PDB file of N, CA and C in Angstrom:
ATOM      1  N   MET A   1      24.589   8.170  11.596  1.00  0.00           N
ATOM      2  CA  MET A   1      23.332   8.429  12.264  1.00  0.00           C
ATOM      3  C   MET A   1      22.263   8.835  11.240  1.00  0.00           C
ATOM      4  N   TYR A   2      22.653   9.679  10.285  1.00  0.00           N
ATOM      5  CA  TYR A   2      21.688  10.129   9.288  1.00  0.00           C
ATOM      6  C   TYR A   2      21.239   8.972   8.396  1.00  0.00           C
ATOM      7  N   SER A   3      22.157   8.086   8.050  1.00  0.00           N
ATOM      8  CA  SER A   3      21.800   6.909   7.246  1.00  0.00           C
ATOM      9  C   SER A   3      20.824   6.018   8.001  1.00  0.00           C
ATOM     10  N   HIS A   4      21.042   5.870   9.290  1.00  0.00           N
ATOM     11  CA  HIS A   4      20.140   5.078  10.128  1.00  0.00           C
ATOM     12  C   HIS A   4      18.755   5.720  10.160  1.00  0.00           C
ATOM     13  N   HIS A   5      18.707   7.030  10.294  1.00  0.00           N
ATOM     14  CA  HIS A   5      17.439   7.768  10.301  1.00  0.00           C
ATOM     15  C   HIS A   5      16.690   7.564   8.984  1.00  0.00           C
ATOM     16  N   ARG A   6      17.410   7.706   7.852  1.00  0.00           N
ATOM     17  CA  ARG A   6      16.781   7.501   6.551  1.00  0.00           C
ATOM     18  C   ARG A   6      16.304   6.065   6.372  1.00  0.00           C
ATOM     19  N   ALA A   7      17.067   5.108   6.883  1.00  0.00           N
ATOM     20  CA  ALA A   7      16.664   3.699   6.781  1.00  0.00           C
ATOM     21  C   ALA A   7      15.380   3.442   7.557  1.00  0.00           C
ATOM     22  N   ASN A   8      15.259   4.056   8.727  1.00  0.00           N
ATOM     23  CA  ASN A   8      14.017   3.920   9.499  1.00  0.00           C
ATOM     24  C   ASN A   8      12.839   4.511   8.741  1.00  0.00           C
ATOM     25  N   LEU A   9      13.038   5.678   8.168  1.00  0.00           N
ATOM     26  CA  LEU A   9      11.970   6.293   7.370  1.00  0.00           C
ATOM     27  C   LEU A   9      11.631   5.415   6.164  1.00  0.00           C
ATOM     28  N   ALA A  10      12.637   4.850   5.524  1.00  0.00           N
ATOM     29  CA  ALA A  10      12.408   3.986   4.362  1.00  0.00           C
ATOM     30  C   ALA A  10      11.570   2.774   4.741  1.00  0.00           C
ATOM     31  N   ARG A  11      11.839   2.189   5.896  1.00  0.00           N
ATOM     32  CA  ARG A  11      11.034   1.041   6.344  1.00  0.00           C
ATOM     33  C   ARG A  11       9.569   1.440   6.536  1.00  0.00           C
ATOM     34  N   LEU A  12       9.346   2.607   7.115  1.00  0.00           N
ATOM     35  CA  LEU A  12       7.975   3.081   7.320  1.00  0.00           C
ATOM     36  C   LEU A  12       7.279   3.352   5.989  1.00  0.00           C
ATOM     37  N   ILE A  13       7.984   3.978   5.064  1.00  0.00           N
ATOM     38  CA  ILE A  13       7.406   4.281   3.750  1.00  0.00           C
ATOM     39  C   ILE A  13       7.091   3.001   2.997  1.00  0.00           C
ATOM     40  N   ALA A  14       8.010   2.046   3.003  1.00  0.00           N
ATOM     41  CA  ALA A  14       7.784   0.769   2.301  1.00  0.00           C
ATOM     42  C   ALA A  14       6.594   0.027   2.887  1.00  0.00           C
ATOM     43  N   ALA A  15       6.428   0.084   4.192  1.00  0.00           N
ATOM     44  CA  ALA A  15       5.285  -0.583   4.827  1.00  0.00           C
ATOM     45  C   ALA A  15       3.979   0.122   4.476  1.00  0.00           C
ATOM     46  N   ALA A  16       4.022   1.448   4.383  1.00  0.00           N
ATOM     47  CA  ALA A  16       2.810   2.221   4.092  1.00  0.00           C
ATOM     48  C   ALA A  16       2.451   2.184   2.610  1.00  0.00           C
ATOM     49  N   ASN A  17       3.452   2.021   1.755  1.00  0.00           N
ATOM     50  CA  ASN A  17       3.228   2.045   0.311  1.00  0.00           C
ATOM     51  C   ASN A  17       4.068   0.951  -0.352  1.00  0.00           C
ATOM     52  N   PRO A  18       3.651  -0.316  -0.201  1.00  0.00           N
ATOM     53  CA  PRO A  18       4.455  -1.438  -0.695  1.00  0.00           C
ATOM     54  C   PRO A  18       4.603  -1.491  -2.216  1.00  0.00           C
ATOM     55  N   ALA A  19       3.831  -0.716  -2.952  1.00  0.00           N
ATOM     56  CA  ALA A  19       3.936  -0.729  -4.414  1.00  0.00           C
ATOM     57  C   ALA A  19       5.152   0.044  -4.912  1.00  0.00           C
ATOM     58  N   LEU A  20       5.786   0.831  -4.055  1.00  0.00           N
ATOM     59  CA  LEU A  20       6.928   1.635  -4.490  1.00  0.00           C
ATOM     60  C   LEU A  20       8.169   0.777  -4.706  1.00  0.00           C
ATOM     61  N   ALA A  21       8.933   1.134  -5.738  1.00  0.00           N
ATOM     62  CA  ALA A  21      10.228   0.496  -5.969  1.00  0.00           C
ATOM     63  C   ALA A  21      11.182   0.903  -4.856  1.00  0.00           C
ATOM     64  N   GLU A  22      12.172   0.064  -4.596  1.00  0.00           N
ATOM     65  CA  GLU A  22      13.115   0.322  -3.502  1.00  0.00           C
ATOM     66  C   GLU A  22      13.825   1.666  -3.671  1.00  0.00           C
ATOM     67  N   LYS A  23      14.247   1.974  -4.886  1.00  0.00           N
ATOM     68  CA  LYS A  23      14.928   3.252  -5.125  1.00  0.00           C
ATOM     69  C   LYS A  23      14.013   4.418  -4.774  1.00  0.00           C
ATOM     70  N   GLU A  24      12.760   4.341  -5.161  1.00  0.00           N
ATOM     71  CA  GLU A  24      11.793   5.407  -4.872  1.00  0.00           C
ATOM     72  C   GLU A  24      11.572   5.546  -3.369  1.00  0.00           C
ATOM     73  N   VAL A  25      11.518   4.422  -2.670  1.00  0.00           N
ATOM     74  CA  VAL A  25      11.367   4.447  -1.209  1.00  0.00           C
ATOM     75  C   VAL A  25      12.519   5.223  -0.577  1.00  0.00           C
ATOM     76  N   HIS A  26      13.737   4.947  -1.020  1.00  0.00           N
ATOM     77  CA  HIS A  26      14.907   5.610  -0.437  1.00  0.00           C
ATOM     78  C   HIS A  26      14.970   7.095  -0.797  1.00  0.00           C
ATOM     79  N   LEU A  27      14.555   7.442  -2.003  1.00  0.00           N
ATOM     80  CA  LEU A  27      14.503   8.853  -2.371  1.00  0.00           C
ATOM     81  C   LEU A  27      13.483   9.604  -1.528  1.00  0.00           C
ATOM     82  N   ARG A  28      12.327   9.002  -1.339  1.00  0.00           N
ATOM     83  CA  ARG A  28      11.297   9.643  -0.524  1.00  0.00           C
ATOM     84  C   ARG A  28      11.734   9.752   0.933  1.00  0.00           C
ATOM     85  N   ALA A  29      12.432   8.747   1.420  1.00  0.00           N
ATOM     86  CA  ALA A  29      12.953   8.811   2.796  1.00  0.00           C
ATOM     87  C   ALA A  29      13.916   9.983   2.944  1.00  0.00           C
ATOM     88  N   ALA A  30      14.763  10.191   1.949  1.00  0.00           N
ATOM     89  CA  ALA A  30      15.703  11.313   1.993  1.00  0.00           C
ATOM     90  C   ALA A  30      14.967  12.642   1.947  1.00  0.00           C
ATOM     91  N   LEU A  31      13.944  12.755   1.113  1.00  0.00           N
ATOM     92  CA  LEU A  31      13.161  13.987   1.048  1.00  0.00           C
ATOM     93  C   LEU A  31      12.485  14.290   2.384  1.00  0.00           C
ATOM     94  N   ILE A  32      11.931  13.275   3.007  1.00  0.00           N
ATOM     95  CA  ILE A  32      11.272  13.479   4.297  1.00  0.00           C
ATOM     96  C   ILE A  32      12.294  13.835   5.369  1.00  0.00           C
ATOM     97  N   ALA A  33      13.441  13.183   5.362  1.00  0.00           N
ATOM     98  CA  ALA A  33      14.484  13.506   6.337  1.00  0.00           C
ATOM     99  C   ALA A  33      14.924  14.955   6.189  1.00  0.00           C
ATOM    100  N   MET A  34      15.080  15.420   4.948  1.00  0.00           N
ATOM    101  CA  MET A  34      15.466  16.814   4.723  1.00  0.00           C
ATOM    102  C   MET A  34      14.381  17.766   5.202  1.00  0.00           C
ATOM    103  N   GLN A  35      13.128  17.390   4.988  1.00  0.00           N
ATOM    104  CA  GLN A  35      12.017  18.229   5.433  1.00  0.00           C
ATOM    105  C   GLN A  35      12.021  18.345   6.959  1.00  0.00           C
ATOM    106  N   ILE A  36      12.226  17.243   7.639  1.00  0.00           N
ATOM    107  CA  ILE A  36      12.278  17.251   9.103  1.00  0.00           C
ATOM    108  C   ILE A  36      13.436  18.119   9.578  1.00  0.00           C
ATOM    109  N   GLU A  37      14.590  17.940   8.961  1.00  0.00           N
ATOM    110  CA  GLU A  37      15.769  18.708   9.359  1.00  0.00           C
ATOM    111  C   GLU A  37      15.551  20.206   9.164  1.00  0.00           C
ATOM    112  N   GLY A  38      15.000  20.576   8.036  1.00  0.00           N
ATOM    113  CA  GLY A  38      14.734  21.988   7.777  1.00  0.00           C
ATOM    114  C   GLY A  38      13.696  22.573   8.714  1.00  0.00           C
ATOM    115  N   LEU A  39      12.696  21.791   9.037  1.00  0.00           N
ATOM    116  CA  LEU A  39      11.645  22.266   9.929  1.00  0.00           C
ATOM    117  C   LEU A  39      12.177  22.537  11.327  1.00  0.00           C
ATOM    118  N   MET A  40      13.200  21.805  11.726  1.00  0.00           N
ATOM    119  CA  MET A  40      13.787  22.007  13.058  1.00  0.00           C
ATOM    120  C   MET A  40      14.348  23.415  13.200  1.00  0.00           C
ATOM    121  N   LEU A  41      14.697  24.065  12.089  1.00  0.00           N
ATOM    122  CA  LEU A  41      15.191  25.440  12.144  1.00  0.00           C
ATOM    123  C   LEU A  41      14.076  26.435  12.446  1.00  0.00           C
ATOM    124  N   LEU A  42      12.841  26.045  12.155  1.00  0.00           N
ATOM    125  CA  LEU A  42      11.721  26.965  12.311  1.00  0.00           C
ATOM    126  C   LEU A  42      10.908  26.747  13.568  1.00  0.00           C
ATOM    127  N   ILE A  43      10.818  25.496  14.028  1.00  0.00           N
ATOM    128  CA  ILE A  43       9.973  25.236  15.195  1.00  0.00           C
ATOM    129  C   ILE A  43      10.732  24.446  16.249  1.00  0.00           C
ATOM    130  N   SER A  44      10.568  24.840  17.457  1.00  0.00           N
ATOM    131  CA  SER A  44      11.031  24.102  18.618  1.00  0.00           C
ATOM    132  C   SER A  44      10.566  24.884  19.835  1.00  0.00           C
ATOM    133  N   GLU A  45      10.672  24.270  20.958  1.00  0.00           N
ATOM    134  CA  GLU A  45      10.275  24.935  22.193  1.00  0.00           C
ATOM    135  C   GLU A  45      11.156  26.150  22.481  1.00  0.00           C
ATOM    136  N   ASN A  46      12.379  26.161  21.961  1.00  0.00           N
ATOM    137  CA  ASN A  46      13.334  27.233  22.241  1.00  0.00           C
ATOM    138  C   ASN A  46      13.307  28.348  21.205  1.00  0.00           C
ATOM    139  N   LYS A  47      12.500  28.213  20.175  1.00  0.00           N
ATOM    140  CA  LYS A  47      12.463  29.212  19.114  1.00  0.00           C
ATOM    141  C   LYS A  47      11.225  30.089  19.282  1.00  0.00           C
ATOM    142  N   PRO A  48      11.337  31.359  18.892  1.00  0.00           N
ATOM    143  CA  PRO A  48      10.155  32.228  18.964  1.00  0.00           C
ATOM    144  C   PRO A  48       9.103  31.778  17.954  1.00  0.00           C
ATOM    145  N   ARG A  49       7.854  32.014  18.281  1.00  0.00           N
ATOM    146  CA  ARG A  49       6.749  31.690  17.377  1.00  0.00           C
ATOM    147  C   ARG A  49       6.555  32.845  16.404  1.00  0.00           C
ATOM    148  N   HIS A  50       6.237  32.518  15.168  1.00  0.00           N
ATOM    149  CA  HIS A  50       6.001  33.530  14.142  1.00  0.00           C
ATOM    150  C   HIS A  50       4.595  33.338  13.590  1.00  0.00           C
ATOM    151  N   ALA A  51       3.819  34.412  13.602  1.00  0.00           N
ATOM    152  CA  ALA A  51       2.420  34.340  13.173  1.00  0.00           C
ATOM    153  C   ALA A  51       2.284  33.800  11.752  1.00  0.00           C
ATOM    154  N   GLU A  52       3.219  34.164  10.881  1.00  0.00           N
ATOM    155  CA  GLU A  52       3.110  33.731   9.484  1.00  0.00           C
ATOM    156  C   GLU A  52       3.337  32.232   9.314  1.00  0.00           C
ATOM    157  N   LEU A  53       3.848  31.567  10.352  1.00  0.00           N
ATOM    158  CA  LEU A  53       4.079  30.123  10.289  1.00  0.00           C
ATOM    159  C   LEU A  53       3.021  29.324  11.043  1.00  0.00           C
ATOM    160  N   GLU A  54       1.958  29.979  11.439  1.00  0.00           N
ATOM    161  CA  GLU A  54       0.852  29.298  12.120  1.00  0.00           C
ATOM    162  C   GLU A  54       0.358  28.144  11.250  1.00  0.00           C
ATOM    163  N   GLY A  55       0.295  26.955  11.813  1.00  0.00           N
ATOM    164  CA  GLY A  55      -0.176  25.771  11.088  1.00  0.00           C
ATOM    165  C   GLY A  55       0.914  25.022  10.340  1.00  0.00           C
ATOM    166  N   ILE A  56       2.164  25.415  10.518  1.00  0.00           N
ATOM    167  CA  ILE A  56       3.243  24.762   9.763  1.00  0.00           C
ATOM    168  C   ILE A  56       3.403  23.289  10.138  1.00  0.00           C
ATOM    169  N   GLU A  57       3.147  22.952  11.399  1.00  0.00           N
ATOM    170  CA  GLU A  57       3.279  21.548  11.804  1.00  0.00           C
ATOM    171  C   GLU A  57       2.283  20.680  11.046  1.00  0.00           C
ATOM    172  N   GLU A  58       1.040  21.154  10.940  1.00  0.00           N
ATOM    173  CA  GLU A  58       0.016  20.396  10.221  1.00  0.00           C
ATOM    174  C   GLU A  58       0.338  20.319   8.730  1.00  0.00           C
ATOM    175  N   ALA A  59       0.830  21.430   8.178  1.00  0.00           N
ATOM    176  CA  ALA A  59       1.212  21.439   6.761  1.00  0.00           C
ATOM    177  C   ALA A  59       2.365  20.473   6.507  1.00  0.00           C
ATOM    178  N   CYS A  60       3.291  20.390   7.452  1.00  0.00           N
ATOM    179  CA  CYS A  60       4.422  19.480   7.313  1.00  0.00           C
ATOM    180  C   CYS A  60       3.949  18.022   7.330  1.00  0.00           C
ATOM    181  N   VAL A  61       3.043  17.714   8.232  1.00  0.00           N
ATOM    182  CA  VAL A  61       2.511  16.341   8.292  1.00  0.00           C
ATOM    183  C   VAL A  61       1.825  15.999   6.975  1.00  0.00           C
ATOM    184  N   ALA A  62       1.018  16.917   6.455  1.00  0.00           N
ATOM    185  CA  ALA A  62       0.317  16.667   5.192  1.00  0.00           C
ATOM    186  C   ALA A  62       1.308  16.476   4.041  1.00  0.00           C
ATOM    187  N   ALA A  63       2.343  17.313   3.981  1.00  0.00           N
ATOM    188  CA  ALA A  63       3.340  17.196   2.918  1.00  0.00           C
ATOM    189  C   ALA A  63       4.121  15.893   3.043  1.00  0.00           C
ATOM    190  N   THR A  64       4.473  15.526   4.277  1.00  0.00           N
ATOM    191  CA  THR A  64       5.203  14.282   4.502  1.00  0.00           C
ATOM    192  C   THR A  64       4.376  13.079   4.077  1.00  0.00           C
ATOM    193  N   MET A  65       3.108  13.083   4.431  1.00  0.00           N
ATOM    194  CA  MET A  65       2.237  11.981   4.018  1.00  0.00           C
ATOM    195  C   MET A  65       2.088  11.950   2.506  1.00  0.00           C
ATOM    196  N   GLY A  66       2.048  13.123   1.881  1.00  0.00           N
ATOM    197  CA  GLY A  66       1.982  13.180   0.427  1.00  0.00           C
ATOM    198  C   GLY A  66       3.214  12.578  -0.222  1.00  0.00           C
ATOM    199  N   ILE A  67       4.372  12.846   0.355  1.00  0.00           N
ATOM    200  CA  ILE A  67       5.616  12.255  -0.165  1.00  0.00           C
ATOM    201  C   ILE A  67       5.610  10.740   0.037  1.00  0.00           C
ATOM    202  N   ALA A  68       5.228  10.310   1.236  1.00  0.00           N
ATOM    203  CA  ALA A  68       5.280   8.879   1.564  1.00  0.00           C
ATOM    204  C   ALA A  68       4.242   8.075   0.792  1.00  0.00           C
ATOM    205  N   LEU A  69       3.036   8.609   0.657  1.00  0.00           N
ATOM    206  CA  LEU A  69       1.946   7.826   0.092  1.00  0.00           C
ATOM    207  C   LEU A  69       1.556   8.237  -1.317  1.00  0.00           C
ATOM    208  N   GLY A  70       1.807   9.486  -1.653  1.00  0.00           N
ATOM    209  CA  GLY A  70       1.375  10.006  -2.933  1.00  0.00           C
ATOM    210  C   GLY A  70       2.284   9.601  -4.058  1.00  0.00           C
ATOM    211  N   ASN A  71       2.209  10.364  -5.117  1.00  0.00           N
ATOM    212  CA  ASN A  71       3.015  10.041  -6.296  1.00  0.00           C
ATOM    213  C   ASN A  71       4.112  11.076  -6.488  1.00  0.00           C
ATOM    214  N   ALA A  72       4.686  11.555  -5.394  1.00  0.00           N
ATOM    215  CA  ALA A  72       5.726  12.590  -5.464  1.00  0.00           C
ATOM    216  C   ALA A  72       6.863  12.167  -6.370  1.00  0.00           C
ATOM    217  N   GLY A  73       6.950  12.806  -7.511  1.00  0.00           N
ATOM    218  CA  GLY A  73       8.074  12.562  -8.406  1.00  0.00           C
ATOM    219  C   GLY A  73       7.967  11.319  -9.271  1.00  0.00           C
ATOM    220  N   THR A  74       6.905  10.536  -9.129  1.00  0.00           N
ATOM    221  CA  THR A  74       6.828   9.318  -9.945  1.00  0.00           C
ATOM    222  C   THR A  74       6.007   9.537 -11.187  1.00  0.00           C
TER     223      THR A  74
END
């Protein structure tokens, strides 16, 4: 299931940034998958809200886009 999830992310990243090498696409997909997984520990409808994490969803989107489109690690 996790491999399928990463493959879906890789397809999206490759479409958004076709200049990336295949290996880089897969590395970025793994980084984004890990970010999503970790974020699930902090936010959900069933978790208490924490004032110090206000805006984390927006920060996560910005970081994810930076990984997918930016030069993260290249």
